[in-house]
Amino acid sequence: MPVAILLMGAGSAYATTAFKSAKTDFQGYRFDPAAPVGQRCVLTEKMCTDIRGEVCTYSDASGTHNLSKNIDGTSCGDQLFEIE
């Protein structure tokens, strides 16, 4: 019985560590209202994550932009966050 409890504890610790390290990273997209319809979700070179934290931003000549996921090639969707 004690061996089973020890193994369950070790398995739980491993699963928690694996879950924390399995964060999903995404290429960040910025919304450009001046772009033609269907092209307003513009790719940036910045990588972000969907794990909540500080909002992922990107700065260029036009200013600082909050980054999002690209939903269907034409629109920006879920907000992304800085990779820690």
Protein backbone atom coordinates (compact mmCIF):
# COMPACT_ATOMS: atom_id res chain seq x y z
CA MET A 1 0.00 0.00 0.00
CA PRO A 2 2.72 2.61 0.82
CA VAL A 3 4.43 1.85 -2.50
CA ALA A 4 1.19 2.53 -4.38
CA ILE A 5 0.77 5.86 -2.59
CA LEU A 6 4.38 6.80 -3.40
CA LEU A 7 3.89 5.95 -7.08
CA MET A 8 0.64 7.92 -7.24
CA GLY A 9 2.38 10.95 -5.72
CA ALA A 10 5.26 10.74 -8.18
CA GLY A 11 2.85 10.38 -11.09
CA SER A 12 0.85 13.42 -9.96
CA ALA A 13 4.00 15.52 -9.62
CA TYR A 14 5.13 14.51 -13.12
CA ALA A 15 1.70 15.25 -14.63
CA THR A 16 1.63 18.71 -13.03
CA THR A 17 5.13 19.53 -14.31
CA ALA A 18 4.31 18.24 -17.80
CA PHE A 19 1.09 20.29 -17.88
CA LYS A 20 2.89 23.50 -16.88
CA SER A 21 5.59 23.01 -19.51
CA ALA A 22 3.08 22.18 -22.28
CA LYS A 23 2.04 25.77 -22.87
CA THR A 24 0.88 26.58 -26.32
CA ASP A 25 2.71 29.31 -28.22
CA PHE A 26 1.26 31.19 -31.16
CA GLN A 27 2.48 33.65 -33.74
CA GLY A 28 1.04 37.05 -32.80
CA TYR A 29 -1.23 38.99 -35.16
CA ARG A 30 -2.13 42.67 -34.90
CA PHE A 31 -5.37 44.22 -36.12
CA ASP A 32 -4.95 46.88 -38.84
CA PRO A 33 -8.24 48.72 -39.49
CA ALA A 34 -6.67 50.55 -42.45
CA ALA A 35 -5.91 47.32 -44.34
CA PRO A 36 -8.33 45.97 -46.96
CA VAL A 37 -11.18 43.82 -45.69
CA GLY A 38 -9.97 40.24 -45.33
CA GLN A 39 -6.39 41.35 -44.68
CA ARG A 40 -6.79 43.25 -41.41
CA CYS A 41 -5.21 40.58 -39.23
CA VAL A 42 -1.51 41.21 -39.89
CA LEU A 43 1.22 38.70 -38.99
CA THR A 44 4.05 39.88 -36.69
CA GLU A 45 7.27 38.08 -35.86
CA LYS A 46 6.45 38.00 -32.13
CA MET A 47 5.54 34.75 -30.39
CA CYS A 48 2.96 34.82 -27.59
CA THR A 49 1.01 32.31 -25.50
CA ASP A 50 -2.62 31.72 -24.60
CA ILE A 51 -1.76 31.27 -20.91
CA ARG A 52 -3.09 34.32 -19.05
CA GLY A 53 -0.62 36.94 -17.90
CA GLU A 54 0.65 40.26 -19.24
CA VAL A 55 -0.93 41.16 -22.59
CA CYS A 56 1.36 40.40 -25.53
CA THR A 57 2.23 43.57 -27.45
CA TYR A 58 4.16 44.49 -30.57
CA SER A 59 5.53 47.91 -31.50
CA ASP A 60 6.20 49.23 -34.98
CA ALA A 61 6.20 52.61 -36.75
CA SER A 62 2.42 52.91 -36.38
CA GLY A 63 2.46 52.34 -32.58
CA THR A 64 2.05 49.59 -30.02
CA HIS A 65 -0.50 46.86 -30.72
CA ASN A 66 -2.11 44.15 -28.57
CA LEU A 67 -1.62 40.80 -30.29
CA SER A 68 -4.19 38.09 -30.96
CA LYS A 69 -4.57 34.70 -32.64
CA ASN A 70 -5.48 34.57 -36.32
CA ILE A 71 -8.87 32.87 -36.44
CA ASP A 72 -9.65 32.20 -40.08
CA GLY A 73 -7.03 34.07 -42.07
CA THR A 74 -9.13 37.21 -42.16
CA SER A 75 -9.81 38.19 -38.54
CA CYS A 76 -7.92 38.43 -35.25
CA GLY A 77 -9.52 36.62 -32.35
CA ASP A 78 -8.47 35.55 -28.88
CA GLN A 79 -6.05 37.84 -27.08
CA LEU A 80 -2.54 36.52 -26.50
CA PHE A 81 -0.15 36.99 -23.58
CA GLU A 82 3.59 37.44 -23.09
CA ILE A 83 5.63 34.23 -22.84
CA GLU A 84 7.19 33.95 -19.39
